[in-house]
């Protein structure tokens, strides 16, 4: 399987993908997919979502 240049691949641990619904992971990923600096922000928001702390709508 090849990954297109404009696709984003998100690899998470069980702490995220067992806790955060796939739809929410997709929403957060889409919101952070256009900027090279966004992966770190995305990671932080995924961790916050897994901890139940995410209060800022994206």
PDB file of N, CA and C in Angstrom:
ATOM      1  N   UNK A   1       0.843  -1.166   0.000  1.00  0.00           N
ATOM      2  CA  UNK A   1       0.000   0.000   0.000  1.00  0.00           C
ATOM      3  C   UNK A   1       0.894   1.237   0.000  1.00  0.00           C
ATOM      4  N   UNK A   2       0.645   2.116  -0.925  1.00  0.00           N
ATOM      5  CA  UNK A   2       1.385   3.364  -0.997  1.00  0.00           C
ATOM      6  C   UNK A   2       0.578   4.486  -0.379  1.00  0.00           C
ATOM      7  N   UNK A   3       1.271   5.405   0.234  1.00  0.00           N
ATOM      8  CA  UNK A   3       0.623   6.552   0.855  1.00  0.00           C
ATOM      9  C   UNK A   3       0.821   7.750  -0.061  1.00  0.00           C
ATOM     10  N   UNK A   4      -0.263   8.374  -0.433  1.00  0.00           N
ATOM     11  CA  UNK A   4      -0.197   9.546  -1.303  1.00  0.00           C
ATOM     12  C   UNK A   4       0.482  10.694  -0.577  1.00  0.00           C
ATOM     13  N   UNK A   5       1.097  11.577  -1.334  1.00  0.00           N
ATOM     14  CA  UNK A   5       1.828  12.705  -0.782  1.00  0.00           C
ATOM     15  C   UNK A   5       0.956  13.605   0.091  1.00  0.00           C
ATOM     16  N   UNK A   6      -0.320  13.708  -0.226  1.00  0.00           N
ATOM     17  CA  UNK A   6      -1.209  14.600   0.526  1.00  0.00           C
ATOM     18  C   UNK A   6      -1.975  13.893   1.642  1.00  0.00           C
ATOM     19  N   UNK A   7      -1.647  12.642   1.930  1.00  0.00           N
ATOM     20  CA  UNK A   7      -2.327  11.908   2.993  1.00  0.00           C
ATOM     21  C   UNK A   7      -1.567  12.027   4.310  1.00  0.00           C
ATOM     22  N   UNK A   8      -2.299  11.959   5.394  1.00  0.00           N
ATOM     23  CA  UNK A   8      -1.733  12.004   6.733  1.00  0.00           C
ATOM     24  C   UNK A   8      -1.934  10.635   7.371  1.00  0.00           C
ATOM     25  N   UNK A   9      -0.874  10.077   7.919  1.00  0.00           N
ATOM     26  CA  UNK A   9      -0.954   8.801   8.624  1.00  0.00           C
ATOM     27  C   UNK A   9      -0.764   9.091  10.106  1.00  0.00           C
ATOM     28  N   UNK A  10      -1.705   8.637  10.904  1.00  0.00           N
ATOM     29  CA  UNK A  10      -1.637   8.846  12.344  1.00  0.00           C
ATOM     30  C   UNK A  10      -1.503   7.474  12.997  1.00  0.00           C
ATOM     31  N   UNK A  11      -0.440   7.305  13.756  1.00  0.00           N
ATOM     32  CA  UNK A  11      -0.211   6.056  14.480  1.00  0.00           C
ATOM     33  C   UNK A  11      -0.381   6.372  15.964  1.00  0.00           C
ATOM     34  N   UNK A  12      -1.276   5.649  16.613  1.00  0.00           N
ATOM     35  CA  UNK A  12      -1.547   5.913  18.025  1.00  0.00           C
ATOM     36  C   UNK A  12      -1.337   4.660  18.860  1.00  0.00           C
ATOM     37  N   UNK A  13      -1.241   4.864  20.144  1.00  0.00           N
ATOM     38  CA  UNK A  13      -1.169   3.747  21.082  1.00  0.00           C
ATOM     39  C   UNK A  13      -2.585   3.386  21.522  1.00  0.00           C
ATOM     40  N   UNK A  14      -2.698   2.295  22.236  1.00  0.00           N
ATOM     41  CA  UNK A  14      -3.994   1.871  22.741  1.00  0.00           C
ATOM     42  C   UNK A  14      -4.630   2.893  23.653  1.00  0.00           C
ATOM     43  N   UNK A  15      -3.814   3.709  24.310  1.00  0.00           N
ATOM     44  CA  UNK A  15      -4.350   4.740  25.185  1.00  0.00           C
ATOM     45  C   UNK A  15      -5.177   5.774  24.440  1.00  0.00           C
ATOM     46  N   UNK A  16      -4.878   5.948  23.153  1.00  0.00           N
ATOM     47  CA  UNK A  16      -5.649   6.877  22.334  1.00  0.00           C
ATOM     48  C   UNK A  16      -6.731   6.135  21.570  1.00  0.00           C
ATOM     49  N   UNK A  17      -6.345   5.160  20.757  1.00  0.00           N
ATOM     50  CA  UNK A  17      -7.359   4.553  19.889  1.00  0.00           C
ATOM     51  C   UNK A  17      -8.338   3.643  20.624  1.00  0.00           C
ATOM     52  N   UNK A  18      -8.038   3.279  21.862  1.00  0.00           N
ATOM     53  CA  UNK A  18      -9.023   2.529  22.648  1.00  0.00           C
ATOM     54  C   UNK A  18      -9.975   3.463  23.396  1.00  0.00           C
ATOM     55  N   UNK A  19      -9.619   4.752  23.470  1.00  0.00           N
ATOM     56  CA  UNK A  19     -10.384   5.716  24.245  1.00  0.00           C
ATOM     57  C   UNK A  19     -11.123   6.736  23.388  1.00  0.00           C
ATOM     58  N   UNK A  20     -10.468   7.214  22.348  1.00  0.00           N
ATOM     59  CA  UNK A  20     -11.030   8.268  21.503  1.00  0.00           C
ATOM     60  C   UNK A  20     -11.718   7.627  20.298  1.00  0.00           C
ATOM     61  N   UNK A  21     -12.963   7.959  20.039  1.00  0.00           N
ATOM     62  CA  UNK A  21     -13.663   7.385  18.883  1.00  0.00           C
ATOM     63  C   UNK A  21     -12.930   7.713  17.577  1.00  0.00           C
ATOM     64  N   UNK A  22     -12.966   6.773  16.642  1.00  0.00           N
ATOM     65  CA  UNK A  22     -12.292   6.947  15.353  1.00  0.00           C
ATOM     66  C   UNK A  22     -12.724   8.231  14.661  1.00  0.00           C
ATOM     67  N   UNK A  23     -13.995   8.570  14.780  1.00  0.00           N
ATOM     68  CA  UNK A  23     -14.494   9.791  14.148  1.00  0.00           C
ATOM     69  C   UNK A  23     -13.813  11.025  14.720  1.00  0.00           C
ATOM     70  N   UNK A  24     -13.570  11.029  16.029  1.00  0.00           N
ATOM     71  CA  UNK A  24     -12.905  12.176  16.665  1.00  0.00           C
ATOM     72  C   UNK A  24     -11.440  12.244  16.241  1.00  0.00           C
ATOM     73  N   UNK A  25     -10.790  11.100  16.139  1.00  0.00           N
ATOM     74  CA  UNK A  25      -9.405  11.070  15.657  1.00  0.00           C
ATOM     75  C   UNK A  25      -9.344  11.630  14.235  1.00  0.00           C
ATOM     76  N   UNK A  26     -10.308  11.260  13.408  1.00  0.00           N
ATOM     77  CA  UNK A  26     -10.360  11.777  12.039  1.00  0.00           C
ATOM     78  C   UNK A  26     -10.585  13.288  12.031  1.00  0.00           C
ATOM     79  N   UNK A  27     -11.485  13.783  12.874  1.00  0.00           N
ATOM     80  CA  UNK A  27     -11.753  15.228  12.953  1.00  0.00           C
ATOM     81  C   UNK A  27     -10.491  15.993  13.352  1.00  0.00           C
ATOM     82  N   UNK A  28      -9.832  15.529  14.396  1.00  0.00           N
ATOM     83  CA  UNK A  28      -8.624  16.203  14.857  1.00  0.00           C
ATOM     84  C   UNK A  28      -7.530  16.131  13.800  1.00  0.00           C
ATOM     85  N   UNK A  29      -7.379  14.994  13.161  1.00  0.00           N
ATOM     86  CA  UNK A  29      -6.362  14.829  12.126  1.00  0.00           C
ATOM     87  C   UNK A  29      -6.615  15.771  10.957  1.00  0.00           C
ATOM     88  N   UNK A  30      -7.852  15.868  10.537  1.00  0.00           N
ATOM     89  CA  UNK A  30      -8.197  16.754   9.415  1.00  0.00           C
ATOM     90  C   UNK A  30      -7.920  18.208   9.774  1.00  0.00           C
ATOM     91  N   UNK A  31      -8.173  18.576  11.009  1.00  0.00           N
ATOM     92  CA  UNK A  31      -7.966  19.950  11.436  1.00  0.00           C
ATOM     93  C   UNK A  31      -6.482  20.328  11.485  1.00  0.00           C
ATOM     94  N   UNK A  32      -5.609  19.336  11.551  1.00  0.00           N
ATOM     95  CA  UNK A  32      -4.171  19.588  11.696  1.00  0.00           C
ATOM     96  C   UNK A  32      -3.350  19.054  10.531  1.00  0.00           C
ATOM     97  N   UNK A  33      -3.961  18.811   9.408  1.00  0.00           N
ATOM     98  CA  UNK A  33      -3.260  18.127   8.317  1.00  0.00           C
ATOM     99  C   UNK A  33      -2.589  19.044   7.310  1.00  0.00           C
ATOM    100  N   UNK A  34      -2.739  20.344   7.417  1.00  0.00           N
ATOM    101  CA  UNK A  34      -2.239  21.221   6.366  1.00  0.00           C
ATOM    102  C   UNK A  34      -0.969  21.982   6.719  1.00  0.00           C
ATOM    103  N   UNK A  35      -0.497  21.876   7.939  1.00  0.00           N
ATOM    104  CA  UNK A  35       0.664  22.653   8.375  1.00  0.00           C
ATOM    105  C   UNK A  35       1.744  21.712   8.895  1.00  0.00           C
ATOM    106  N   UNK A  36       2.981  21.924   8.450  1.00  0.00           N
ATOM    107  CA  UNK A  36       4.090  21.062   8.861  1.00  0.00           C
ATOM    108  C   UNK A  36       4.328  21.096  10.374  1.00  0.00           C
ATOM    109  N   UNK A  37       3.933  22.170  11.046  1.00  0.00           N
ATOM    110  CA  UNK A  37       4.121  22.281  12.495  1.00  0.00           C
ATOM    111  C   UNK A  37       3.004  21.597  13.267  1.00  0.00           C
ATOM    112  N   UNK A  38       1.976  21.167  12.585  1.00  0.00           N
ATOM    113  CA  UNK A  38       0.794  20.635  13.251  1.00  0.00           C
ATOM    114  C   UNK A  38       0.946  19.250  13.895  1.00  0.00           C
ATOM    115  N   UNK A  39       1.849  18.373  13.471  1.00  0.00           N
ATOM    116  CA  UNK A  39       1.882  17.047  14.111  1.00  0.00           C
ATOM    117  C   UNK A  39       2.027  17.089  15.630  1.00  0.00           C
ATOM    118  N   UNK A  40       2.852  17.991  16.156  1.00  0.00           N
ATOM    119  CA  UNK A  40       3.008  18.071  17.605  1.00  0.00           C
ATOM    120  C   UNK A  40       1.724  18.556  18.269  1.00  0.00           C
ATOM    121  N   UNK A  41       1.062  19.507  17.653  1.00  0.00           N
ATOM    122  CA  UNK A  41      -0.222  19.992  18.194  1.00  0.00           C
ATOM    123  C   UNK A  41      -1.270  18.887  18.139  1.00  0.00           C
ATOM    124  N   UNK A  42      -1.300  18.159  17.027  1.00  0.00           N
ATOM    125  CA  UNK A  42      -2.237  17.041  16.887  1.00  0.00           C
ATOM    126  C   UNK A  42      -1.978  16.008  17.973  1.00  0.00           C
ATOM    127  N   UNK A  43      -0.714  15.673  18.193  1.00  0.00           N
ATOM    128  CA  UNK A  43      -0.379  14.699  19.232  1.00  0.00           C
ATOM    129  C   UNK A  43      -0.884  15.157  20.595  1.00  0.00           C
ATOM    130  N   UNK A  44      -0.690  16.429  20.900  1.00  0.00           N
ATOM    131  CA  UNK A  44      -1.164  16.959  22.175  1.00  0.00           C
ATOM    132  C   UNK A  44      -2.669  16.894  22.307  1.00  0.00           C
ATOM    133  N   UNK A  45      -3.371  17.199  21.239  1.00  0.00           N
ATOM    134  CA  UNK A  45      -4.835  17.161  21.292  1.00  0.00           C
ATOM    135  C   UNK A  45      -5.357  15.727  21.382  1.00  0.00           C
ATOM    136  N   UNK A  46      -4.688  14.799  20.728  1.00  0.00           N
ATOM    137  CA  UNK A  46      -5.098  13.390  20.832  1.00  0.00           C
ATOM    138  C   UNK A  46      -4.907  12.880  22.259  1.00  0.00           C
ATOM    139  N   UNK A  47      -3.790  13.232  22.870  1.00  0.00           N
ATOM    140  CA  UNK A  47      -3.551  12.823  24.259  1.00  0.00           C
ATOM    141  C   UNK A  47      -4.589  13.470  25.179  1.00  0.00           C
ATOM    142  N   UNK A  48      -4.857  14.757  24.966  1.00  0.00           N
ATOM    143  CA  UNK A  48      -5.859  15.435  25.792  1.00  0.00           C
ATOM    144  C   UNK A  48      -7.235  14.800  25.609  1.00  0.00           C
ATOM    145  N   UNK A  49      -7.581  14.454  24.380  1.00  0.00           N
ATOM    146  CA  UNK A  49      -8.874  13.809  24.130  1.00  0.00           C
ATOM    147  C   UNK A  49      -8.943  12.469  24.843  1.00  0.00           C
ATOM    148  N   UNK A  50      -7.848  11.730  24.823  1.00  0.00           N
ATOM    149  CA  UNK A  50      -7.822  10.433  25.503  1.00  0.00           C
ATOM    150  C   UNK A  50      -7.970  10.594  27.005  1.00  0.00           C
ATOM    151  N   UNK A  51      -7.462  11.671  27.526  1.00  0.00           N
ATOM    152  CA  UNK A  51      -7.551  11.935  28.977  1.00  0.00           C
ATOM    153  C   UNK A  51      -8.891  12.585  29.347  1.00  0.00           C
ATOM    154  N   UNK A  52      -9.683  12.924  28.334  1.00  0.00           N
ATOM    155  CA  UNK A  52     -10.971  13.556  28.606  1.00  0.00           C
ATOM    156  C   UNK A  52     -10.841  15.021  28.933  1.00  0.00           C
ATOM    157  N   UNK A  53      -9.729  15.643  28.548  1.00  0.00           N
ATOM    158  CA  UNK A  53      -9.480  17.045  28.895  1.00  0.00           C
ATOM    159  C   UNK A  53      -9.735  17.996  27.734  1.00  0.00           C
ATOM    160  N   UNK A  54     -10.042  17.515  26.581  1.00  0.00           N
ATOM    161  CA  UNK A  54     -10.185  18.384  25.429  1.00  0.00           C
ATOM    162  C   UNK A  54     -11.479  19.166  25.535  1.00  0.00           C
ATOM    163  N   UNK A  55     -11.360  20.470  25.675  1.00  0.00           N
ATOM    164  CA  UNK A  55     -12.541  21.317  25.800  1.00  0.00           C
ATOM    165  C   UNK A  55     -12.666  22.318  24.658  1.00  0.00           C
ATOM    166  N   UNK A  56     -11.641  22.430  23.821  1.00  0.00           N
ATOM    167  CA  UNK A  56     -11.645  23.392  22.723  1.00  0.00           C
ATOM    168  C   UNK A  56     -12.197  22.696  21.486  1.00  0.00           C
ATOM    169  N   UNK A  57     -13.349  23.146  20.968  1.00  0.00           N
ATOM    170  CA  UNK A  57     -13.886  22.517  19.754  1.00  0.00           C
ATOM    171  C   UNK A  57     -12.993  22.824  18.555  1.00  0.00           C
ATOM    172  N   UNK A  58     -12.850  21.825  17.690  1.00  0.00           N
ATOM    173  CA  UNK A  58     -12.009  21.986  16.492  1.00  0.00           C
ATOM    174  C   UNK A  58     -12.877  21.938  15.277  1.00  0.00           C
TER     175      UNK A  58
END
